[in-house]
Amino acid sequence: MFPQDCGATTDHRRAAVRYADPSSNSAVVGVWDLTGPWSAGSASPLAVFGGGALKSGFPTALSGGYRYRPSDRIELTNEWGVSIGSGASAAGGGVIDETYIEVFMIGTTPPSFVQQFTVPAASGQDVAGYANDLAITRDAQFAVVNSRNWIQVLQLSVPPGAVSKLDFNIGSLDYSTTPPTPWTRPCDPDGAVDSVAVTNERAVVTTKRFSATANTFTTWVYIIDLVASGGPTIVLQHEILPPADWEPESESDVEHPHDVAITPSRDGGGTRAVVTTNHSVALYDLVTNTFVARHFDEKDRRQYQQQVDSVELTGKVAVVIADVVSASGPTVWGVKLFDVSAASSLPLVASDVDASPPQGGSRAHDLAIDWDFDKGLVRTTETNVYLSSLVTPTAPFQELVGSTVSDAYAYEGYRLQYAGVFSSDSVVIGSEQGGVLMAASIGGIRSLSGVYSGQVDLIDLLATTPAVTPVAIVSPSGTLGGCVPLDLATGFNQNEVVVRSAERPTQLPSTPGPDLARIALASGAFVQTYGGDGVLMGLDSLATPSLTGFVNTARKLLSISEDPLTGLDYVHVAR
């Protein structure tokens, strides 16, 4: 069983793990308690859903005989859990052609399994699979799932413990007409880092189709009115077209969806959405359900596992990152800020690229913003690009570097030398406490002997002169490649950052080690470190609530890993 993704409830009382194993369904979902007393070695799941007729599916695969590159596999509220997978039907010949959707009640005691849906539900319907992303509305009324040729909307509310499902077969039906008319336009969202974003009233879903006219895949955007009087309804189907005179130069140059975000609103309803593709940034109005404008730049590149996110929004500004290619020089990081409040356009208000890249160039890996305090931070290959203001940005932006330099893409070298790993996040921003707004980013350092260590860069974004405090995470044995950090989260109390790293040497979880580190944000001192086993291939390796992204260090911390040789799964519970 390969642990694929994990998450925590909003109140951080429980966590769940979605597994995938094409040869075993003994565990599809596991639920864990994060409260109560701690006793080393005594942790066990509250519930395991598996066996019987349940289907598990295939794990994430970045290369090899097949590629499967999802965004998220599990989402939790305090009451509900929804997870997804992809597998092969009995008639599929071992090729992915089905989507699995599991619904369970995580808040009950004990947690209870409700239903697994298989898509397609009947033979002769469009194939599915490559389930990419899902989201649950903040009011926990709806869940939206995106996979090949299909969008599913689940109604979670009535009656308690029961679920209804509405299917949109976007591969076989053209939803630009009423009623939808048949067409044959297969599509899939594989390789998007996010392809579903929701408010309480709207869902924005992205996918890709091949366009013979444009000679490339193009991104298609669907807006769904979740609360329409006749039930959830697709109210916009839109294709983001490149310029008519543009053609892709290589496989990495083709258009495809990358990320999607909705302007923030504390009551669960935003009014604008931004979709990023390999080359484009597109703006949509969720009040009028219309496409507003598109910005296209053929030099921009946004790729899976190279940018783990590419857009963040305030109510007025979109911050977008990309790698910027050049025919005459190395690829460098690029940052653009757009005004998303304009009625009928998408003005570019500021942009910057790396003017002094290191040897071999630079890339933009991840970003985070704080819209209350008008700050942002972009983690690039070796630096932290500081956005001192999002509303009134001034380029060039300031690059922050510590006394030692780490590489946000060190996991790529570790992957080639030692074991497959998955990079989840590399930068987080906490919330303001007493005039201090702490951010943290992660990277790795490779020694001349090929041993990796981790580094956390700590930065106070409200300081008069922000500066980097580097903190080293070192494997005590220094064997089998050392360690490389892959995921992180700020503590709910805002005084710690928790970092999850991959390290192959085994330590007991009750002994110190680099696998999980709690670090004080103010001083950079280690609060506690925990050993473990296995490497990280989870889409998220550290269980956090999707609504806040903060972990509660006063309770248990759950993370996942797997043995790269045997496939054994590990659930790491620490306190």
Protein backbone atom coordinates (compact mmCIF):
# COMPACT_ATOMS: atom_id res chain seq x y z
CA MET A 1 0.00 0.00 0.00
CA PHE A 2 1.44 3.32 -1.08
CA PRO A 3 0.32 6.36 0.97
CA GLN A 4 -0.65 9.01 -1.56
CA ASP A 5 -1.95 11.98 0.37
CA CYS A 6 -2.98 13.02 3.86
CA GLY A 7 -4.93 15.77 5.53
CA ALA A 8 -6.27 16.93 8.88
CA THR A 9 -9.69 18.16 9.94
CA THR A 10 -10.13 21.89 10.42
CA ASP A 11 -10.05 21.49 14.21
CA HIS A 12 -6.97 19.22 13.94
CA ARG A 13 -8.70 16.46 15.91
CA ARG A 14 -8.37 13.79 13.23
CA ALA A 15 -6.33 13.01 10.14
CA ALA A 16 -6.81 10.67 7.20
CA VAL A 17 -4.57 9.00 4.61
CA ARG A 18 -5.51 7.90 1.07
CA TYR A 19 -3.57 4.83 -0.12
CA ALA A 20 -3.18 3.34 -3.59
CA ASP A 21 -2.09 -0.16 -4.54
CA PRO A 22 -3.21 -1.90 -7.75
CA SER A 23 -2.58 -5.30 -6.16
CA SER A 24 -4.28 -4.79 -2.78
CA ASN A 25 -7.39 -3.06 -1.44
CA SER A 26 -6.81 -3.96 2.20
CA ALA A 27 -6.50 -0.27 3.07
CA VAL A 28 -7.93 2.46 0.85
CA VAL A 29 -8.40 5.11 3.57
CA GLY A 30 -7.11 5.22 7.14
CA VAL A 31 -8.36 7.60 9.85
CA TRP A 32 -6.22 8.62 12.85
CA ASP A 33 -6.84 10.44 16.11
CA LEU A 34 -4.67 13.51 16.79
CA THR A 35 -5.86 14.13 20.35
CA GLY A 36 -5.44 12.28 23.61
CA PRO A 37 -2.37 11.15 25.54
CA TRP A 38 0.79 10.19 23.73
CA SER A 39 2.60 6.90 24.20
CA ALA A 40 5.49 6.09 21.88
CA GLY A 41 4.73 3.17 19.59
CA SER A 42 1.09 2.91 20.66
CA ALA A 43 -0.54 4.83 17.82
CA SER A 44 -3.09 2.92 15.76
CA PRO A 45 -5.81 4.08 13.37
CA LEU A 46 -9.33 4.78 14.51
CA ALA A 47 -10.62 3.16 11.34
CA VAL A 48 -9.35 1.57 8.13
CA PHE A 49 -11.66 1.42 5.12
CA GLY A 50 -10.70 -1.31 2.70
CA GLY A 51 -11.33 -4.85 1.51
CA GLY A 52 -14.51 -6.20 0.01
CA ALA A 53 -15.56 -4.53 -3.22
CA LEU A 54 -13.58 -1.32 -2.62
CA LYS A 55 -11.08 -0.38 -5.30
CA SER A 56 -7.71 1.18 -4.53
CA GLY A 57 -6.05 2.16 -7.82
CA PHE A 58 -2.63 3.28 -8.99
CA PRO A 59 -0.10 5.44 -7.13
CA THR A 60 1.34 8.70 -8.37
CA ALA A 61 3.94 8.09 -11.07
CA LEU A 62 6.26 10.81 -12.32
CA SER A 63 7.96 8.58 -14.89
CA GLY A 64 8.16 4.97 -16.03
CA GLY A 65 5.57 2.79 -17.73
CA TYR A 66 2.79 5.29 -17.08
CA ARG A 67 2.53 8.83 -15.77
CA TYR A 68 -0.10 9.84 -13.27
CA ARG A 69 0.33 13.32 -11.83
CA PRO A 70 -2.55 14.33 -9.54
CA SER A 71 -2.96 17.42 -7.40
CA ASP A 72 -4.83 16.28 -4.27
CA ARG A 73 -6.26 12.91 -3.25
CA ILE A 74 -8.05 13.72 -0.01
CA GLU A 75 -10.00 16.61 1.54
CA LEU A 76 -11.47 16.85 5.03
CA THR A 77 -13.86 19.03 6.98
CA ASN A 78 -14.65 18.43 10.66
CA GLU A 79 -17.49 16.12 9.60
CA TRP A 80 -16.75 14.80 6.12
CA GLY A 81 -13.91 13.17 4.25
CA VAL A 82 -13.70 12.73 0.48
CA SER A 83 -10.84 10.97 -1.32
CA ILE A 84 -10.11 9.97 -4.91
CA GLY A 85 -8.14 7.42 -6.88
CA SER A 86 -7.67 6.03 -10.38
CA GLY A 87 -7.43 2.44 -11.53
CA ALA A 88 -8.09 -0.09 -14.27
CA SER A 89 -11.43 -1.77 -14.85
CA ALA A 90 -11.74 -5.50 -15.46
CA ALA A 91 -11.91 -4.74 -19.17
CA GLY A 92 -9.20 -2.09 -19.10
CA GLY A 93 -6.23 -4.34 -19.69
CA GLY A 94 -4.29 -2.83 -16.82
CA VAL A 95 -4.62 0.70 -18.22
CA ILE A 96 -6.12 3.49 -16.11
CA ASP A 97 -9.75 3.98 -17.13
CA GLU A 98 -11.71 4.42 -13.87
CA THR A 99 -12.08 7.08 -11.18
CA TYR A 100 -12.83 6.14 -7.56
CA ILE A 101 -14.45 8.55 -5.11
CA GLU A 102 -14.69 7.61 -1.43
CA VAL A 103 -16.97 9.46 0.96
CA PHE A 104 -16.75 8.92 4.72
CA MET A 105 -17.81 10.64 7.92
CA ILE A 106 -14.63 11.46 9.80
CA GLY A 107 -16.31 13.27 12.71
CA THR A 108 -18.36 10.34 14.02
CA THR A 109 -17.15 7.93 16.69
CA PRO A 110 -16.02 5.65 15.23
CA PRO A 111 -15.52 7.17 11.77
CA SER A 112 -17.96 5.61 9.30
CA PHE A 113 -17.66 4.78 5.61
CA VAL A 114 -20.52 6.03 3.44
CA GLN A 115 -19.86 5.00 -0.15
CA GLN A 116 -17.34 4.51 -2.94
CA PHE A 117 -18.42 5.72 -6.38
CA THR A 118 -16.85 4.27 -9.52
CA VAL A 119 -16.80 6.41 -12.66
CA PRO A 120 -17.89 5.55 -15.29
CA ALA A 121 -20.82 3.87 -13.60
CA ALA A 122 -21.73 1.74 -16.62
CA SER A 123 -20.00 0.14 -19.61
CA GLY A 124 -20.18 2.11 -22.83
CA GLN A 125 -19.72 5.47 -21.10
CA ASP A 126 -16.63 7.64 -21.51
CA VAL A 127 -13.54 6.29 -19.78
CA ALA A 128 -12.44 8.14 -16.66
CA GLY A 129 -9.36 7.85 -14.45
CA TYR A 130 -6.50 10.26 -13.90
CA ALA A 131 -8.48 11.75 -11.02
CA ASN A 132 -6.58 14.96 -10.46
CA ASP A 133 -8.16 17.14 -7.81
CA LEU A 134 -11.06 17.67 -5.44
CA ALA A 135 -12.36 20.36 -3.12
CA ILE A 136 -15.06 20.69 -0.46
CA THR A 137 -16.94 23.96 -0.03
CA ARG A 138 -16.31 25.83 3.21
CA ASP A 139 -19.90 25.21 4.34
CA ALA A 140 -19.37 21.46 3.70
CA GLN A 141 -22.39 21.25 1.42
CA PHE A 142 -20.65 20.17 -1.79
CA ALA A 143 -17.55 18.35 -2.98
CA VAL A 144 -16.24 18.66 -6.54
CA VAL A 145 -14.03 16.05 -8.24
CA ASN A 146 -12.14 16.45 -11.53
CA SER A 147 -10.86 13.56 -13.65
CA ARG A 148 -10.55 12.52 -17.27
CA ASN A 149 -13.75 13.36 -19.24
CA TRP A 150 -15.81 13.90 -16.08
CA ILE A 151 -16.64 16.39 -13.34
CA GLN A 152 -18.55 15.07 -10.34
CA VAL A 153 -20.45 17.22 -7.85
CA LEU A 154 -21.33 15.51 -4.57
CA GLN A 155 -24.02 16.91 -2.28
CA LEU A 156 -22.92 16.10 1.27
CA SER A 157 -25.60 17.68 3.37
CA VAL A 158 -28.97 15.94 3.14
CA PRO A 159 -29.67 13.65 4.87
CA PRO A 160 -26.68 13.30 7.22
CA GLY A 161 -24.59 10.31 6.22
CA ALA A 162 -25.98 10.10 2.69
CA VAL A 163 -24.51 11.49 -0.51
CA SER A 164 -25.95 12.27 -3.93
CA LYS A 165 -23.75 12.57 -7.03
CA LEU A 166 -24.25 14.61 -10.18
CA ASP A 167 -22.15 13.76 -13.26
CA PHE A 168 -20.99 16.18 -15.94
CA ASN A 169 -19.64 14.14 -18.87
CA ILE A 170 -17.56 16.95 -20.39
CA GLY A 171 -15.74 14.57 -22.74
CA SER A 172 -18.94 13.67 -24.59
CA LEU A 173 -21.20 16.69 -24.06
CA ASP A 174 -20.80 20.31 -25.13
CA TYR A 175 -22.06 22.40 -22.21
CA SER A 176 -22.02 25.66 -24.16
CA THR A 177 -25.53 24.77 -25.35
CA THR A 178 -28.76 24.26 -23.40
CA PRO A 179 -29.39 21.40 -23.20
CA PRO A 180 -25.84 20.07 -23.72
CA THR A 181 -25.25 18.53 -27.16
CA PRO A 182 -23.13 15.48 -27.98
CA TRP A 183 -19.54 15.88 -29.11
CA THR A 184 -16.39 13.77 -29.02
CA ARG A 185 -13.76 15.93 -27.30
CA PRO A 186 -11.85 13.83 -24.76
CA CYS A 187 -10.06 15.78 -22.04
CA ASP A 188 -8.01 15.23 -18.90
CA PRO A 189 -6.46 17.44 -16.20
CA ASP A 190 -3.40 15.27 -15.50
CA GLY A 191 -0.37 17.37 -14.56
CA ALA A 192 -2.24 20.34 -13.10
CA VAL A 193 -1.04 21.30 -9.61
CA ASP A 194 -4.58 22.47 -8.82
CA SER A 195 -7.56 22.01 -11.12
CA VAL A 196 -10.51 22.64 -8.76
CA ALA A 197 -11.26 25.75 -6.70
CA VAL A 198 -14.55 26.41 -4.91
CA THR A 199 -16.60 28.93 -3.01
CA ASN A 200 -19.86 28.05 -1.31
CA GLU A 201 -21.68 28.96 -4.54
CA ARG A 202 -19.25 28.32 -7.41
CA ALA A 203 -16.71 25.78 -8.60
CA VAL A 204 -13.97 26.52 -11.14
CA VAL A 205 -12.57 23.43 -12.86
CA THR A 206 -9.83 23.15 -15.49
CA THR A 207 -8.86 20.46 -17.98
CA LYS A 208 -6.99 20.15 -21.28
CA ARG A 209 -7.96 19.06 -24.80
CA PHE A 210 -6.03 18.82 -28.03
CA SER A 211 -6.85 21.57 -30.49
CA ALA A 212 -6.10 20.82 -34.12
CA THR A 213 -6.54 24.51 -34.90
CA ALA A 214 -3.94 25.65 -32.36
CA ASN A 215 -1.75 22.53 -32.84
CA THR A 216 -1.40 22.17 -29.09
CA PHE A 217 -3.38 21.17 -26.07
CA THR A 218 -5.44 24.04 -24.76
CA THR A 219 -6.88 24.68 -21.32
CA TRP A 220 -10.65 24.60 -20.88
CA VAL A 221 -12.33 26.24 -17.90
CA TYR A 222 -15.72 25.26 -16.48
CA ILE A 223 -17.64 27.39 -13.98
CA ILE A 224 -20.35 25.53 -12.07
CA ASP A 225 -23.17 27.26 -10.19
CA LEU A 226 -23.49 24.94 -7.19
CA VAL A 227 -26.65 26.56 -5.85
CA ALA A 228 -28.67 27.00 -9.06
CA SER A 229 -32.40 26.55 -8.54
CA GLY A 230 -32.45 23.36 -10.59
CA GLY A 231 -29.31 21.92 -8.99
CA PRO A 232 -25.61 22.39 -9.82
CA THR A 233 -25.26 23.66 -13.40
CA ILE A 234 -22.35 24.45 -15.71
CA VAL A 235 -22.74 28.16 -16.48
CA LEU A 236 -19.52 28.70 -18.46
CA GLN A 237 -17.41 26.53 -20.74
CA HIS A 238 -14.41 28.44 -22.06
CA GLU A 239 -11.26 27.61 -24.02
CA ILE A 240 -8.10 29.61 -23.29
CA LEU A 241 -6.61 29.99 -26.76
CA PRO A 242 -3.02 30.99 -27.50
CA PRO A 243 -2.37 33.66 -30.13
CA ALA A 244 -3.25 32.48 -33.62
CA ASP A 245 0.34 32.88 -34.88
CA TRP A 246 1.93 30.88 -32.03
CA GLU A 247 2.94 27.22 -32.18
CA PRO A 248 4.69 25.10 -29.51
CA GLU A 249 8.36 24.34 -30.12
CA SER A 250 8.63 21.20 -27.98
CA GLU A 251 6.66 18.90 -25.68
CA SER A 252 7.43 21.12 -22.69
CA ASP A 253 6.15 24.12 -24.65
CA VAL A 254 2.57 22.91 -25.24
CA GLU A 255 -0.30 24.60 -23.45
CA HIS A 256 -1.90 22.87 -20.44
CA PRO A 257 -3.58 23.91 -17.18
CA HIS A 258 -1.33 24.50 -14.19
CA ASP A 259 -3.10 26.22 -11.27
CA VAL A 260 -6.37 27.89 -10.29
CA ALA A 261 -7.32 30.20 -7.41
CA ILE A 262 -10.27 32.32 -6.30
CA THR A 263 -10.10 35.73 -4.64
CA PRO A 264 -10.33 35.33 -0.85
CA SER A 265 -13.44 35.95 1.19
CA ARG A 266 -13.84 35.12 4.83
CA ASP A 267 -17.47 34.09 4.35
CA GLY A 268 -16.67 31.44 1.75
CA GLY A 269 -17.52 33.35 -1.42
CA GLY A 270 -15.00 34.99 -3.76
CA THR A 271 -15.91 36.94 -6.90
CA ARG A 272 -12.98 36.42 -9.29
CA ALA A 273 -10.88 33.43 -10.37
CA VAL A 274 -7.48 33.22 -12.02
CA VAL A 275 -6.31 30.23 -14.05
CA THR A 276 -2.66 29.75 -14.99
CA THR A 277 -1.46 27.56 -17.85
CA ASN A 278 1.99 26.84 -19.18
CA HIS A 279 2.05 30.27 -20.87
CA SER A 280 -1.18 32.06 -19.94
CA VAL A 281 -2.87 33.84 -17.05
CA ALA A 282 -6.67 34.10 -17.44
CA LEU A 283 -9.20 36.03 -15.36
CA TYR A 284 -12.86 35.07 -14.77
CA ASP A 285 -15.77 36.83 -13.09
CA LEU A 286 -17.78 34.52 -10.80
CA VAL A 287 -20.66 36.98 -10.41
CA THR A 288 -21.41 37.23 -14.13
CA ASN A 289 -19.88 33.79 -14.91
CA THR A 290 -17.79 35.23 -17.73
CA PHE A 291 -14.26 35.21 -19.09
CA VAL A 292 -12.64 38.63 -18.56
CA ALA A 293 -9.17 38.64 -20.12
CA ARG A 294 -6.05 36.62 -20.84
CA HIS A 295 -2.31 37.45 -20.65
CA PHE A 296 -0.04 35.23 -22.81
CA ASP A 297 3.75 35.04 -22.66
CA GLU A 298 5.50 32.45 -24.79
CA LYS A 299 8.66 32.74 -22.65
CA ASP A 300 6.86 31.59 -19.48
CA ARG A 301 6.88 27.93 -18.43
CA ARG A 302 4.81 26.36 -15.64
CA GLN A 303 5.30 22.63 -15.15
CA TYR A 304 4.28 19.91 -12.68
CA GLN A 305 6.84 19.45 -9.87
CA GLN A 306 8.79 22.48 -11.08
CA GLN A 307 6.29 25.04 -9.84
CA VAL A 308 4.31 23.41 -7.02
CA ASP A 309 1.95 26.43 -7.10
CA SER A 310 1.90 29.30 -9.57
CA VAL A 311 -0.77 31.77 -8.41
CA GLU A 312 -1.95 33.40 -5.18
CA LEU A 313 -4.66 36.07 -4.91
CA THR A 314 -5.71 38.97 -2.77
CA GLY A 315 -9.01 40.68 -3.50
CA LYS A 316 -7.21 43.00 -5.92
CA VAL A 317 -3.96 41.40 -7.03
CA ALA A 318 -2.78 38.12 -8.54
CA VAL A 319 0.81 37.08 -7.87
CA VAL A 320 2.00 34.65 -10.55
CA ILE A 321 5.32 32.84 -10.93
CA ALA A 322 6.96 31.02 -13.83
CA ASP A 323 10.27 29.92 -15.24
CA VAL A 324 11.28 32.31 -18.01
CA VAL A 325 13.20 30.82 -20.93
CA SER A 326 15.52 32.66 -23.25
CA ALA A 327 17.13 31.76 -26.55
CA SER A 328 20.29 33.63 -25.55
CA GLY A 329 20.70 32.81 -21.86
CA PRO A 330 19.72 30.48 -19.02
CA THR A 331 16.21 29.96 -17.72
CA VAL A 332 15.46 32.30 -14.80
CA TRP A 333 12.69 32.86 -12.28
CA GLY A 334 9.93 35.31 -13.13
CA VAL A 335 7.29 37.03 -10.97
CA LYS A 336 4.29 39.02 -12.28
CA LEU A 337 1.57 40.93 -10.45
CA PHE A 338 -1.79 41.60 -12.12
CA ASP A 339 -4.74 43.79 -11.19
CA VAL A 340 -7.72 41.40 -10.94
CA SER A 341 -10.25 44.10 -10.05
CA ALA A 342 -10.44 45.72 -13.50
CA ALA A 343 -13.85 45.33 -15.13
CA SER A 344 -12.78 44.06 -18.54
CA SER A 345 -9.01 43.64 -18.60
CA LEU A 346 -6.09 42.05 -16.76
CA PRO A 347 -3.50 44.81 -16.33
CA LEU A 348 0.08 43.82 -15.57
CA VAL A 349 1.12 46.10 -12.71
CA ALA A 350 4.65 44.84 -11.99
CA SER A 351 7.06 42.14 -13.10
CA ASP A 352 10.61 41.03 -12.49
CA VAL A 353 13.03 38.32 -13.57
CA ASP A 354 16.32 37.14 -12.13
CA ALA A 355 18.88 39.64 -13.41
CA SER A 356 21.88 37.86 -11.86
CA PRO A 357 21.16 34.12 -11.97
CA PRO A 358 23.58 31.55 -10.60
CA GLN A 359 25.48 29.32 -12.98
CA GLY A 360 22.93 27.17 -14.76
CA GLY A 361 20.09 29.63 -14.20
CA SER A 362 17.31 29.82 -11.65
CA ARG A 363 13.66 28.80 -11.32
CA ALA A 364 10.58 29.81 -9.35
CA HIS A 365 9.35 26.95 -7.15
CA ASP A 366 6.58 28.18 -4.81
CA LEU A 367 4.96 31.31 -3.41
CA ALA A 368 2.94 32.52 -0.44
CA ILE A 369 1.22 35.82 0.38
CA ASP A 370 -0.39 37.58 3.32
CA TRP A 371 -3.16 39.77 1.97
CA ASP A 372 -3.92 41.40 5.34
CA PHE A 373 -0.37 42.75 5.65
CA ASP A 374 0.27 43.18 1.91
CA LYS A 375 3.36 40.95 1.79
CA GLY A 376 4.54 38.07 -0.37
CA LEU A 377 7.46 35.67 -0.68
CA VAL A 378 8.56 33.57 -3.65
CA ARG A 379 10.97 30.68 -3.14
CA THR A 380 13.35 30.39 -6.08
CA THR A 381 16.27 28.05 -6.67
CA GLU A 382 18.61 29.74 -4.19
CA THR A 383 16.86 32.90 -2.99
CA ASN A 384 13.69 34.25 -1.43
CA VAL A 385 12.09 37.00 -3.52
CA TYR A 386 10.49 39.47 -1.11
CA LEU A 387 7.39 41.36 -2.22
CA SER A 388 7.24 44.34 0.13
CA SER A 389 3.82 45.41 -1.18
CA LEU A 390 1.25 43.61 -3.31
CA VAL A 391 -1.04 46.61 -3.78
CA THR A 392 1.71 49.07 -4.76
CA PRO A 393 4.55 46.79 -5.95
CA THR A 394 7.89 48.17 -7.02
CA ALA A 395 10.22 46.19 -9.28
CA PRO A 396 12.92 45.00 -9.16
CA PHE A 397 11.94 42.91 -6.17
CA GLN A 398 14.38 42.25 -3.36
CA GLU A 399 16.16 38.89 -3.16
CA LEU A 400 16.92 37.63 0.35
CA VAL A 401 19.75 35.15 0.90
CA GLY A 402 21.21 33.79 4.12
CA SER A 403 24.80 33.17 5.10
CA THR A 404 24.46 29.69 3.60
CA VAL A 405 22.56 29.00 0.38
CA SER A 406 20.25 26.06 -0.24
CA ASP A 407 18.59 24.78 -3.41
CA ALA A 408 14.78 24.52 -3.54
CA TYR A 409 15.21 21.91 -6.28
CA ALA A 410 17.66 19.69 -4.37
CA TYR A 411 14.97 17.00 -4.38
CA GLU A 412 15.54 16.53 -8.13
CA GLY A 413 19.14 15.47 -7.55
CA TYR A 414 18.15 13.31 -4.58
CA ARG A 415 15.49 11.68 -6.78
CA LEU A 416 18.03 10.81 -9.46
CA GLN A 417 20.69 9.54 -7.04
CA TYR A 418 18.78 7.79 -4.29
CA ALA A 419 14.98 7.44 -4.36
CA GLY A 420 11.83 8.93 -5.81
CA VAL A 421 10.47 11.84 -3.76
CA PHE A 422 7.70 14.41 -4.21
CA SER A 423 8.02 18.11 -3.41
CA SER A 424 4.84 19.48 -1.82
CA ASP A 425 5.55 23.03 -0.64
CA SER A 426 8.63 25.14 -0.09
CA VAL A 427 7.37 28.39 1.46
CA VAL A 428 4.80 29.34 4.10
CA ILE A 429 3.78 32.58 5.82
CA GLY A 430 2.25 32.56 9.29
CA SER A 431 -0.04 35.19 10.76
CA GLU A 432 1.04 38.41 12.45
CA GLN A 433 1.89 38.20 16.14
CA GLY A 434 2.90 41.36 18.02
CA GLY A 435 4.24 43.13 14.96
CA VAL A 436 6.06 40.08 13.64
CA LEU A 437 5.07 38.18 10.48
CA MET A 438 7.27 35.11 10.07
CA ALA A 439 7.84 33.24 6.82
CA ALA A 440 9.81 30.06 6.24
CA SER A 441 11.15 28.40 3.10
CA ILE A 442 13.06 25.17 2.57
CA GLY A 443 15.80 23.84 0.33
CA GLY A 444 18.58 21.28 0.30
CA ILE A 445 22.38 21.35 0.16
CA ARG A 446 24.41 18.64 -1.60
CA SER A 447 27.93 18.06 -0.33
CA LEU A 448 30.85 17.18 -2.60
CA SER A 449 30.43 13.56 -1.49
CA GLY A 450 26.80 13.51 -2.61
CA VAL A 451 25.20 13.67 0.85
CA TYR A 452 22.20 15.99 1.22
CA SER A 453 21.18 18.13 4.17
CA GLY A 454 18.21 20.45 4.59
CA GLN A 455 17.93 24.12 5.34
CA VAL A 456 15.07 26.31 6.56
CA ASP A 457 15.22 30.04 5.85
CA LEU A 458 13.35 32.09 8.49
CA ILE A 459 12.33 35.68 7.64
CA ASP A 460 10.34 38.35 9.48
CA LEU A 461 8.45 40.06 6.66
CA LEU A 462 7.51 43.05 8.83
CA ALA A 463 11.07 43.85 9.88
CA THR A 464 12.48 47.18 8.79
CA THR A 465 15.13 45.26 6.87
CA PRO A 466 14.00 41.65 6.35
CA ALA A 467 16.84 39.14 6.58
CA VAL A 468 17.29 35.37 6.39
CA THR A 469 18.11 33.24 9.41
CA PRO A 470 19.23 29.84 8.04
CA VAL A 471 18.62 26.68 10.10
CA ALA A 472 20.33 23.43 9.08
CA ILE A 473 18.59 20.03 9.18
CA VAL A 474 21.26 17.35 9.09
CA SER A 475 21.01 13.56 8.94
CA PRO A 476 22.85 12.20 11.99
CA SER A 477 24.27 9.23 10.10
CA GLY A 478 25.15 11.02 6.87
CA THR A 479 24.66 7.76 4.99
CA LEU A 480 22.31 6.68 2.20
CA GLY A 481 22.16 10.19 0.79
CA GLY A 482 21.37 12.22 3.89
CA CYS A 483 18.05 14.09 3.99
CA VAL A 484 16.11 16.54 1.84
CA PRO A 485 13.13 18.66 3.02
CA LEU A 486 9.90 18.35 1.01
CA ASP A 487 6.98 19.80 3.00
CA LEU A 488 6.38 22.32 5.77
CA ALA A 489 3.64 24.07 7.74
CA THR A 490 3.41 26.83 10.31
CA GLY A 491 2.18 25.93 13.78
CA PHE A 492 -1.28 27.14 14.71
CA ASN A 493 0.21 29.02 17.66
CA GLN A 494 2.52 30.86 15.21
CA ASN A 495 5.69 30.20 17.18
CA GLU A 496 6.91 27.11 15.29
CA VAL A 497 7.40 25.78 11.79
CA VAL A 498 7.18 22.03 11.18
CA VAL A 499 9.34 20.55 8.39
CA ARG A 500 9.00 17.04 6.91
CA SER A 501 12.08 15.59 5.22
CA ALA A 502 12.95 12.39 3.40
CA GLU A 503 15.77 10.35 4.91
CA ARG A 504 16.44 6.68 4.17
CA PRO A 505 18.34 5.60 7.32
CA THR A 506 15.88 4.30 9.91
CA GLN A 507 15.39 5.80 13.37
CA LEU A 508 12.62 5.03 15.78
CA PRO A 509 10.04 7.86 15.88
CA SER A 510 10.78 8.27 19.60
CA THR A 511 14.44 9.08 18.86
CA PRO A 512 15.79 12.33 17.39
CA GLY A 513 16.17 12.49 13.64
CA PRO A 514 15.64 14.78 10.65
CA ASP A 515 12.41 13.20 9.38
CA LEU A 516 10.17 15.63 11.28
CA ALA A 517 11.52 18.84 12.83
CA ARG A 518 9.77 21.45 14.96
CA ILE A 519 11.67 24.72 14.83
CA ALA A 520 11.05 27.90 16.84
CA LEU A 521 10.34 30.77 14.44
CA ALA A 522 11.78 33.44 16.71
CA SER A 523 15.16 31.86 17.40
CA GLY A 524 15.62 29.07 14.86
CA ALA A 525 16.22 26.62 17.70
CA PHE A 526 14.91 23.08 17.43
CA VAL A 527 11.94 22.47 19.68
CA GLN A 528 12.03 18.75 18.92
CA THR A 529 13.12 16.39 16.15
CA TYR A 530 11.82 12.93 15.32
CA GLY A 531 13.30 10.01 13.45
CA GLY A 532 11.43 7.79 11.04
CA ASP A 533 11.71 5.65 7.95
CA GLY A 534 11.04 5.78 4.23
CA VAL A 535 10.94 8.51 1.62
CA LEU A 536 8.17 10.94 0.75
CA MET A 537 5.96 10.46 -2.31
CA GLY A 538 2.77 11.91 -0.83
CA LEU A 539 1.13 14.82 -2.61
CA ASP A 540 1.16 16.26 0.89
CA SER A 541 3.42 14.43 3.31
CA LEU A 542 2.42 16.45 6.37
CA ALA A 543 -1.27 16.39 7.39
CA THR A 544 -2.63 19.93 7.61
CA PRO A 545 -6.17 21.38 7.46
CA SER A 546 -6.76 22.67 3.93
CA LEU A 547 -8.69 25.68 5.21
CA THR A 548 -5.87 27.14 7.32
CA GLY A 549 -2.70 25.23 6.42
CA PHE A 550 -1.61 25.48 10.07
CA VAL A 551 -0.75 22.43 12.17
CA ASN A 552 -1.56 22.21 15.87
CA THR A 553 1.71 21.34 17.59
CA ALA A 554 -0.14 20.93 20.90
CA ARG A 555 -1.67 17.79 19.37
CA LYS A 556 -0.24 14.88 17.43
CA LEU A 557 1.38 15.49 14.06
CA LEU A 558 0.74 12.96 11.30
CA SER A 559 2.87 12.50 8.20
CA ILE A 560 3.41 9.73 5.66
CA SER A 561 6.27 8.00 3.87
CA GLU A 562 7.03 4.76 2.04
CA ASP A 563 9.90 2.34 1.63
CA PRO A 564 11.36 2.92 -1.85
CA LEU A 565 12.35 -0.74 -2.27
CA THR A 566 9.53 -2.77 -0.69
CA GLY A 567 6.61 -0.33 -1.01
CA LEU A 568 5.83 -0.62 2.70
CA ASP A 569 3.84 2.33 3.95
CA TYR A 570 4.62 4.31 7.08
CA VAL A 571 2.30 6.60 9.01
CA HIS A 572 4.46 8.77 11.26
CA VAL A 573 2.65 10.08 14.35
CA ALA A 574 4.59 12.39 16.67
CA ARG A 575 3.89 14.68 19.58
